[in-house]
Amino acid sequence: QRAGEIIDRADFPEPYDVLGMGAVWRIADVEE
């Protein structure tokens, strides 16, 4: 739930893609 709040922040990277299971992000973008 908290991760969802963080993901929704304007400064969090945009998802790489949205699949049937949900959004996915590049690890490199998240680590940055």
PDB file of all heavy atoms in Angstrom:
ATOM      1  N   GLN A   1       0.837  -1.200   0.000  1.00  0.00           N
ATOM      2  CA  GLN A   1       0.000   0.000   0.000  1.00  0.00           C
ATOM      3  C   GLN A   1       0.875   1.255   0.000  1.00  0.00           C
ATOM      4  O   GLN A   1       0.649   2.184  -0.778  1.00  0.00           O
ATOM      5  CB  GLN A   1      -0.931   0.009   1.203  1.00  0.00           C
ATOM      6  CG  GLN A   1      -1.820   1.234   1.247  1.00  0.00           C
ATOM      7  CD  GLN A   1      -2.772   1.219   2.428  1.00  0.00           C
ATOM      8  OE1 GLN A   1      -2.848   0.239   3.164  1.00  0.00           O
ATOM      9  NE2 GLN A   1      -3.496   2.296   2.607  1.00  0.00           N
ATOM     10  N   ARG A   2       1.882   1.282   0.871  1.00  0.00           N
ATOM     11  CA  ARG A   2       2.783   2.440   0.923  1.00  0.00           C
ATOM     12  C   ARG A   2       3.575   2.551  -0.368  1.00  0.00           C
ATOM     13  O   ARG A   2       3.812   3.668  -0.866  1.00  0.00           O
ATOM     14  CB  ARG A   2       3.724   2.320   2.127  1.00  0.00           C
ATOM     15  CG  ARG A   2       4.732   3.434   2.218  1.00  0.00           C
ATOM     16  CD  ARG A   2       4.082   4.778   2.506  1.00  0.00           C
ATOM     17  NE  ARG A   2       5.102   5.810   2.576  1.00  0.00           N
ATOM     18  CZ  ARG A   2       5.037   6.973   1.950  1.00  0.00           C
ATOM     19  NH1 ARG A   2       3.967   7.303   1.242  1.00  0.00           N
ATOM     20  NH2 ARG A   2       6.021   7.837   2.046  1.00  0.00           N
ATOM     21  N   ALA A   3       3.979   1.428  -0.942  1.00  0.00           N
ATOM     22  CA  ALA A   3       4.686   1.463  -2.224  1.00  0.00           C
ATOM     23  C   ALA A   3       3.807   2.118  -3.284  1.00  0.00           C
ATOM     24  O   ALA A   3       4.297   2.903  -4.101  1.00  0.00           O
ATOM     25  CB  ALA A   3       5.088   0.061  -2.656  1.00  0.00           C
ATOM     26  N   GLY A   4       2.518   1.818  -3.272  1.00  0.00           N
ATOM     27  CA  GLY A   4       1.601   2.446  -4.220  1.00  0.00           C
ATOM     28  C   GLY A   4       1.565   3.954  -4.068  1.00  0.00           C
ATOM     29  O   GLY A   4       1.512   4.695  -5.059  1.00  0.00           O
ATOM     30  N   GLU A   5       1.606   4.436  -2.826  1.00  0.00           N
ATOM     31  CA  GLU A   5       1.637   5.879  -2.581  1.00  0.00           C
ATOM     32  C   GLU A   5       2.920   6.492  -3.135  1.00  0.00           C
ATOM     33  O   GLU A   5       2.903   7.569  -3.720  1.00  0.00           O
ATOM     34  CB  GLU A   5       1.517   6.160  -1.089  1.00  0.00           C
ATOM     35  CG  GLU A   5       0.178   5.762  -0.502  1.00  0.00           C
ATOM     36  CD  GLU A   5       0.156   5.816   1.021  1.00  0.00           C
ATOM     37  OE1 GLU A   5       1.198   6.100   1.648  1.00  0.00           O
ATOM     38  OE2 GLU A   5      -0.930   5.561   1.581  1.00  0.00           O
ATOM     39  N   ILE A   6       4.040   5.805  -2.941  1.00  0.00           N
ATOM     40  CA  ILE A   6       5.324   6.298  -3.437  1.00  0.00           C
ATOM     41  C   ILE A   6       5.342   6.280  -4.962  1.00  0.00           C
ATOM     42  O   ILE A   6       5.787   7.241  -5.600  1.00  0.00           O
ATOM     43  CB  ILE A   6       6.482   5.467  -2.846  1.00  0.00           C
ATOM     44  CG1 ILE A   6       6.565   5.716  -1.333  1.00  0.00           C
ATOM     45  CG2 ILE A   6       7.807   5.789  -3.530  1.00  0.00           C
ATOM     46  CD1 ILE A   6       7.475   4.759  -0.589  1.00  0.00           C
ATOM     47  N   ILE A   7       4.852   5.208  -5.555  1.00  0.00           N
ATOM     48  CA  ILE A   7       4.807   5.080  -7.013  1.00  0.00           C
ATOM     49  C   ILE A   7       3.984   6.194  -7.633  1.00  0.00           C
ATOM     50  O   ILE A   7       4.280   6.667  -8.736  1.00  0.00           O
ATOM     51  CB  ILE A   7       4.239   3.690  -7.392  1.00  0.00           C
ATOM     52  CG1 ILE A   7       5.282   2.605  -7.092  1.00  0.00           C
ATOM     53  CG2 ILE A   7       3.776   3.647  -8.835  1.00  0.00           C
ATOM     54  CD1 ILE A   7       4.714   1.197  -7.083  1.00  0.00           C
ATOM     55  N   ASP A   8       2.947   6.656  -6.934  1.00  0.00           N
ATOM     56  CA  ASP A   8       2.066   7.703  -7.452  1.00  0.00           C
ATOM     57  C   ASP A   8       2.668   9.102  -7.347  1.00  0.00           C
ATOM     58  O   ASP A   8       2.100  10.055  -7.891  1.00  0.00           O
ATOM     59  CB  ASP A   8       0.722   7.678  -6.721  1.00  0.00           C
ATOM     60  CG  ASP A   8      -0.136   6.492  -7.122  1.00  0.00           C
ATOM     61  OD1 ASP A   8       0.126   5.889  -8.187  1.00  0.00           O
ATOM     62  OD2 ASP A   8      -1.071   6.160  -6.368  1.00  0.00           O
ATOM     63  N   ARG A   9       3.805   9.236  -6.675  1.00  0.00           N
ATOM     64  CA  ARG A   9       4.437  10.549  -6.558  1.00  0.00           C
ATOM     65  C   ARG A   9       4.889  11.044  -7.926  1.00  0.00           C
ATOM     66  O   ARG A   9       5.311  10.264  -8.780  1.00  0.00           O
ATOM     67  CB  ARG A   9       5.657  10.472  -5.634  1.00  0.00           C
ATOM     68  CG  ARG A   9       5.321  10.243  -4.181  1.00  0.00           C
ATOM     69  CD  ARG A   9       6.537  10.036  -3.354  1.00  0.00           C
ATOM     70  NE  ARG A   9       7.604  11.003  -3.658  1.00  0.00           N
ATOM     71  CZ  ARG A   9       8.481  11.431  -2.777  1.00  0.00           C
ATOM     72  NH1 ARG A   9       8.466  10.979  -1.537  1.00  0.00           N
ATOM     73  NH2 ARG A   9       9.417  12.287  -3.132  1.00  0.00           N
ATOM     74  N   ALA A  10       4.831  12.347  -8.104  1.00  0.00           N
ATOM     75  CA  ALA A  10       5.225  12.948  -9.385  1.00  0.00           C
ATOM     76  C   ALA A  10       6.697  12.720  -9.706  1.00  0.00           C
ATOM     77  O   ALA A  10       7.072  12.650 -10.883  1.00  0.00           O
ATOM     78  CB  ALA A  10       4.922  14.445  -9.369  1.00  0.00           C
ATOM     79  N   ASP A  11       7.539  12.578  -8.665  1.00  0.00           N
ATOM     80  CA  ASP A  11       8.969  12.418  -8.920  1.00  0.00           C
ATOM     81  C   ASP A  11       9.398  10.959  -9.090  1.00  0.00           C
ATOM     82  O   ASP A  11      10.570  10.692  -9.355  1.00  0.00           O
ATOM     83  CB  ASP A  11       9.794  13.085  -7.812  1.00  0.00           C
ATOM     84  CG  ASP A  11       9.656  12.397  -6.455  1.00  0.00           C
ATOM     85  OD1 ASP A  11       8.656  11.696  -6.228  1.00  0.00           O
ATOM     86  OD2 ASP A  11      10.560  12.575  -5.619  1.00  0.00           O
ATOM     87  N   PHE A  12       8.460  10.019  -8.951  1.00  0.00           N
ATOM     88  CA  PHE A  12       8.813   8.606  -9.146  1.00  0.00           C
ATOM     89  C   PHE A  12       8.850   8.318 -10.645  1.00  0.00           C
ATOM     90  O   PHE A  12       8.065   8.876 -11.410  1.00  0.00           O
ATOM     91  CB  PHE A  12       7.804   7.682  -8.452  1.00  0.00           C
ATOM     92  CG  PHE A  12       8.337   6.299  -8.228  1.00  0.00           C
ATOM     93  CD1 PHE A  12       9.182   6.038  -7.168  1.00  0.00           C
ATOM     94  CD2 PHE A  12       8.019   5.274  -9.097  1.00  0.00           C
ATOM     95  CE1 PHE A  12       9.707   4.762  -6.966  1.00  0.00           C
ATOM     96  CE2 PHE A  12       8.531   3.997  -8.912  1.00  0.00           C
ATOM     97  CZ  PHE A  12       9.382   3.748  -7.837  1.00  0.00           C
ATOM     98  N   PRO A  13       9.761   7.451 -11.095  1.00  0.00           N
ATOM     99  CA  PRO A  13       9.856   7.162 -12.529  1.00  0.00           C
ATOM    100  C   PRO A  13       8.537   6.635 -13.109  1.00  0.00           C
ATOM    101  O   PRO A  13       7.764   5.959 -12.423  1.00  0.00           O
ATOM    102  CB  PRO A  13      10.932   6.069 -12.611  1.00  0.00           C
ATOM    103  CG  PRO A  13      11.668   6.124 -11.324  1.00  0.00           C
ATOM    104  CD  PRO A  13      10.729   6.675 -10.305  1.00  0.00           C
ATOM    105  N   GLU A  14       8.318   6.960 -14.355  1.00  0.00           N
ATOM    106  CA  GLU A  14       7.168   6.421 -15.075  1.00  0.00           C
ATOM    107  C   GLU A  14       7.380   4.920 -15.290  1.00  0.00           C
ATOM    108  O   GLU A  14       8.520   4.467 -15.454  1.00  0.00           O
ATOM    109  CB  GLU A  14       7.026   7.098 -16.436  1.00  0.00           C
ATOM    110  CG  GLU A  14       6.591   8.546 -16.346  1.00  0.00           C
ATOM    111  CD  GLU A  14       5.174   8.687 -15.809  1.00  0.00           C
ATOM    112  OE1 GLU A  14       4.290   7.916 -16.232  1.00  0.00           O
ATOM    113  OE2 GLU A  14       4.961   9.578 -14.965  1.00  0.00           O
ATOM    114  N   PRO A  15       6.316   4.139 -15.299  1.00  0.00           N
ATOM    115  CA  PRO A  15       6.478   2.703 -15.568  1.00  0.00           C
ATOM    116  C   PRO A  15       7.096   2.470 -16.949  1.00  0.00           C
ATOM    117  O   PRO A  15       6.869   3.243 -17.882  1.00  0.00           O
ATOM    118  CB  PRO A  15       5.052   2.154 -15.530  1.00  0.00           C
ATOM    119  CG  PRO A  15       4.249   3.169 -14.807  1.00  0.00           C
ATOM    120  CD  PRO A  15       4.923   4.485 -15.054  1.00  0.00           C
ATOM    121  N   TYR A  16       7.852   1.413 -17.042  1.00  0.00           N
ATOM    122  CA  TYR A  16       8.416   0.983 -18.323  1.00  0.00           C
ATOM    123  C   TYR A  16       7.306   0.449 -19.221  1.00  0.00           C
ATOM    124  O   TYR A  16       7.272   0.695 -20.413  1.00  0.00           O
ATOM    125  CB  TYR A  16       9.477  -0.083 -18.064  1.00  0.00           C
ATOM    126  CG  TYR A  16       9.987  -0.786 -19.291  1.00  0.00           C
ATOM    127  CD1 TYR A  16      10.768  -0.107 -20.210  1.00  0.00           C
ATOM    128  CD2 TYR A  16       9.696  -2.127 -19.529  1.00  0.00           C
ATOM    129  CE1 TYR A  16      11.249  -0.744 -21.345  1.00  0.00           C
ATOM    130  CE2 TYR A  16      10.174  -2.770 -20.652  1.00  0.00           C
ATOM    131  CZ  TYR A  16      10.948  -2.077 -21.561  1.00  0.00           C
ATOM    132  OH  TYR A  16      11.416  -2.708 -22.679  1.00  0.00           O
ATOM    133  N   ASP A  17       6.380  -0.292 -18.617  1.00  0.00           N
ATOM    134  CA  ASP A  17       5.272  -0.887 -19.356  1.00  0.00           C
ATOM    135  C   ASP A  17       4.177  -1.256 -18.359  1.00  0.00           C
ATOM    136  O   ASP A  17       4.424  -1.323 -17.155  1.00  0.00           O
ATOM    137  CB  ASP A  17       5.747  -2.140 -20.092  1.00  0.00           C
ATOM    138  CG  ASP A  17       4.898  -2.495 -21.298  1.00  0.00           C
ATOM    139  OD1 ASP A  17       3.848  -1.841 -21.525  1.00  0.00           O
ATOM    140  OD2 ASP A  17       5.268  -3.433 -22.024  1.00  0.00           O
ATOM    141  N   VAL A  18       2.991  -1.474 -18.878  1.00  0.00           N
ATOM    142  CA  VAL A  18       1.881  -1.952 -18.060  1.00  0.00           C
ATOM    143  C   VAL A  18       1.434  -3.279 -18.650  1.00  0.00           C
ATOM    144  O   VAL A  18       1.044  -3.352 -19.821  1.00  0.00           O
ATOM    145  CB  VAL A  18       0.715  -0.943 -18.017  1.00  0.00           C
ATOM    146  CG1 VAL A  18      -0.426  -1.493 -17.179  1.00  0.00           C
ATOM    147  CG2 VAL A  18       1.186   0.395 -17.467  1.00  0.00           C
ATOM    148  N   LEU A  19       1.523  -4.330 -17.839  1.00  0.00           N
ATOM    149  CA  LEU A  19       1.174  -5.681 -18.253  1.00  0.00           C
ATOM    150  C   LEU A  19      -0.137  -6.082 -17.590  1.00  0.00           C
ATOM    151  O   LEU A  19      -0.690  -5.333 -16.781  1.00  0.00           O
ATOM    152  CB  LEU A  19       2.284  -6.645 -17.849  1.00  0.00           C
ATOM    153  CG  LEU A  19       3.714  -6.253 -18.258  1.00  0.00           C
ATOM    154  CD1 LEU A  19       4.715  -7.224 -17.662  1.00  0.00           C
ATOM    155  CD2 LEU A  19       3.832  -6.196 -19.766  1.00  0.00           C
ATOM    156  N   GLY A  20      -0.615  -7.259 -17.875  1.00  0.00           N
ATOM    157  CA  GLY A  20      -1.826  -7.757 -17.244  1.00  0.00           C
ATOM    158  C   GLY A  20      -1.725  -7.800 -15.730  1.00  0.00           C
ATOM    159  O   GLY A  20      -2.700  -7.586 -15.026  1.00  0.00           O
ATOM    160  N   MET A  21      -0.525  -8.043 -15.216  1.00  0.00           N
ATOM    161  CA  MET A  21      -0.323  -8.111 -13.765  1.00  0.00           C
ATOM    162  C   MET A  21      -0.092  -6.738 -13.154  1.00  0.00           C
ATOM    163  O   MET A  21      -0.001  -6.601 -11.946  1.00  0.00           O
ATOM    164  CB  MET A  21       0.842  -9.038 -13.407  1.00  0.00           C
ATOM    165  CG  MET A  21       2.169  -8.765 -14.097  1.00  0.00           C
ATOM    166  SD  MET A  21       3.176  -7.330 -13.610  1.00  0.00           S
ATOM    167  CE  MET A  21       3.693  -7.772 -12.017  1.00  0.00           C
ATOM    168  N   GLY A  22       0.017  -5.712 -13.966  1.00  0.00           N
ATOM    169  CA  GLY A  22       0.224  -4.351 -13.474  1.00  0.00           C
ATOM    170  C   GLY A  22       1.440  -3.700 -14.107  1.00  0.00           C
ATOM    171  O   GLY A  22       2.059  -4.237 -15.032  1.00  0.00           O
ATOM    172  N   ALA A  23       1.775  -2.535 -13.579  1.00  0.00           N
ATOM    173  CA  ALA A  23       2.904  -1.769 -14.109  1.00  0.00           C
ATOM    174  C   ALA A  23       4.227  -2.394 -13.688  1.00  0.00           C
ATOM    175  O   ALA A  23       4.326  -3.035 -12.639  1.00  0.00           O
ATOM    176  CB  ALA A  23       2.825  -0.327 -13.621  1.00  0.00           C
ATOM    177  N   VAL A  24       5.236  -2.181 -14.524  1.00  0.00           N
ATOM    178  CA  VAL A  24       6.603  -2.606 -14.224  1.00  0.00           C
ATOM    179  C   VAL A  24       7.546  -1.440 -14.501  1.00  0.00           C
ATOM    180  O   VAL A  24       7.284  -0.611 -15.374  1.00  0.00           O
ATOM    181  CB  VAL A  24       7.037  -3.863 -15.017  1.00  0.00           C
ATOM    182  CG1 VAL A  24       6.282  -5.090 -14.568  1.00  0.00           C
ATOM    183  CG2 VAL A  24       6.880  -3.657 -16.518  1.00  0.00           C
ATOM    184  N   TRP A  25       8.617  -1.386 -13.723  1.00  0.00           N
ATOM    185  CA  TRP A  25       9.607  -0.321 -13.829  1.00  0.00           C
ATOM    186  C   TRP A  25      10.964  -0.931 -14.081  1.00  0.00           C
ATOM    187  O   TRP A  25      11.260  -2.016 -13.609  1.00  0.00           O
ATOM    188  CB  TRP A  25       9.672   0.479 -12.525  1.00  0.00           C
ATOM    189  CG  TRP A  25       8.476   1.319 -12.270  1.00  0.00           C
ATOM    190  CD1 TRP A  25       8.355   2.661 -12.502  1.00  0.00           C
ATOM    191  CD2 TRP A  25       7.226   0.904 -11.729  1.00  0.00           C
ATOM    192  NE1 TRP A  25       7.101   3.085 -12.149  1.00  0.00           N
ATOM    193  CE2 TRP A  25       6.381   2.024 -11.665  1.00  0.00           C
ATOM    194  CE3 TRP A  25       6.714  -0.320 -11.303  1.00  0.00           C
ATOM    195  CZ2 TRP A  25       5.084   1.972 -11.185  1.00  0.00           C
ATOM    196  CZ3 TRP A  25       5.417  -0.385 -10.833  1.00  0.00           C
ATOM    197  CH2 TRP A  25       4.619   0.756 -10.777  1.00  0.00           C
ATOM    198  N   ARG A  26      11.819  -0.205 -14.798  1.00  0.00           N
ATOM    199  CA  ARG A  26      13.204  -0.637 -14.950  1.00  0.00           C
ATOM    200  C   ARG A  26      13.896  -0.519 -13.599  1.00  0.00           C
ATOM    201  O   ARG A  26      13.789   0.502 -12.917  1.00  0.00           O
ATOM    202  CB  ARG A  26      13.941   0.244 -15.956  1.00  0.00           C
ATOM    203  CG  ARG A  26      13.536   0.029 -17.378  1.00  0.00           C
ATOM    204  CD  ARG A  26      14.409   0.898 -18.291  1.00  0.00           C
ATOM    205  NE  ARG A  26      13.993   0.762 -19.657  1.00  0.00           N
ATOM    206  CZ  ARG A  26      13.274   1.676 -20.320  1.00  0.00           C
ATOM    207  NH1 ARG A  26      12.920   2.799 -19.733  1.00  0.00           N
ATOM    208  NH2 ARG A  26      12.927   1.467 -21.569  1.00  0.00           N
ATOM    209  N   ILE A  27      14.605  -1.550 -13.214  1.00  0.00           N
ATOM    210  CA  ILE A  27      15.333  -1.536 -11.949  1.00  0.00           C
ATOM    211  C   ILE A  27      16.280  -0.347 -11.900  1.00  0.00           C
ATOM    212  O   ILE A  27      16.366   0.346 -10.884  1.00  0.00           O
ATOM    213  CB  ILE A  27      16.079  -2.868 -11.724  1.00  0.00           C
ATOM    214  CG1 ILE A  27      15.069  -3.979 -11.439  1.00  0.00           C
ATOM    215  CG2 ILE A  27      17.099  -2.745 -10.598  1.00  0.00           C
ATOM    216  CD1 ILE A  27      15.672  -5.358 -11.319  1.00  0.00           C
ATOM    217  N   ALA A  28      16.973  -0.080 -12.987  1.00  0.00           N
ATOM    218  CA  ALA A  28      17.931   1.034 -13.007  1.00  0.00           C
ATOM    219  C   ALA A  28      17.243   2.360 -12.694  1.00  0.00           C
ATOM    220  O   ALA A  28      17.794   3.200 -11.973  1.00  0.00           O
ATOM    221  CB  ALA A  28      18.631   1.102 -14.361  1.00  0.00           C
ATOM    222  N   ASP A  29      16.031   2.573 -13.214  1.00  0.00           N
ATOM    223  CA  ASP A  29      15.296   3.817 -12.952  1.00  0.00           C
ATOM    224  C   ASP A  29      14.903   3.915 -11.483  1.00  0.00           C
ATOM    225  O   ASP A  29      15.030   4.980 -10.868  1.00  0.00           O
ATOM    226  CB  ASP A  29      14.041   3.898 -13.819  1.00  0.00           C
ATOM    227  CG  ASP A  29      14.345   3.993 -15.304  1.00  0.00           C
ATOM    228  OD1 ASP A  29      15.492   4.324 -15.672  1.00  0.00           O
ATOM    229  OD2 ASP A  29      13.417   3.722 -16.096  1.00  0.00           O
ATOM    230  N   VAL A  30      14.429   2.809 -10.922  1.00  0.00           N
ATOM    231  CA  VAL A  30      14.022   2.804  -9.514  1.00  0.00           C
ATOM    232  C   VAL A  30      15.241   2.997  -8.612  1.00  0.00           C
ATOM    233  O   VAL A  30      15.197   3.767  -7.649  1.00  0.00           O
ATOM    234  CB  VAL A  30      13.268   1.510  -9.151  1.00  0.00           C
ATOM    235  CG1 VAL A  30      12.986   1.441  -7.658  1.00  0.00           C
ATOM    236  CG2 VAL A  30      11.980   1.402  -9.959  1.00  0.00           C
ATOM    237  N   GLU A  31      16.341   2.327  -8.926  1.00  0.00           N
ATOM    238  CA  GLU A  31      17.544   2.462  -8.105  1.00  0.00           C
ATOM    239  C   GLU A  31      18.084   3.887  -8.155  1.00  0.00           C
ATOM    240  O   GLU A  31      18.574   4.407  -7.149  1.00  0.00           O
ATOM    241  CB  GLU A  31      18.608   1.449  -8.526  1.00  0.00           C
ATOM    242  CG  GLU A  31      18.229   0.007  -8.203  1.00  0.00           C
ATOM    243  CD  GLU A  31      18.061  -0.272  -6.720  1.00  0.00           C
ATOM    244  OE1 GLU A  31      18.744   0.363  -5.882  1.00  0.00           O
ATOM    245  OE2 GLU A  31      17.221  -1.131  -6.380  1.00  0.00           O
ATOM    246  N   GLU A  32      17.996   4.542  -9.293  1.00  0.00           N
ATOM    247  CA  GLU A  32      18.418   5.947  -9.390  1.00  0.00           C
ATOM    248  C   GLU A  32      17.526   6.822  -8.514  1.00  0.00           C
ATOM    249  O   GLU A  32      18.008   7.706  -7.810  1.00  0.00           O
ATOM    250  CB  GLU A  32      18.373   6.429 -10.841  1.00  0.00           C
ATOM    251  CG  GLU A  32      18.737   7.883 -11.009  1.00  0.00           C
ATOM    252  CD  GLU A  32      20.133   8.246 -10.515  1.00  0.00           C
ATOM    253  OE1 GLU A  32      21.023   7.376 -10.543  1.00  0.00           O
ATOM    254  OE2 GLU A  32      20.328   9.395 -10.085  1.00  0.00           O
TER     255      GLU A  32
END
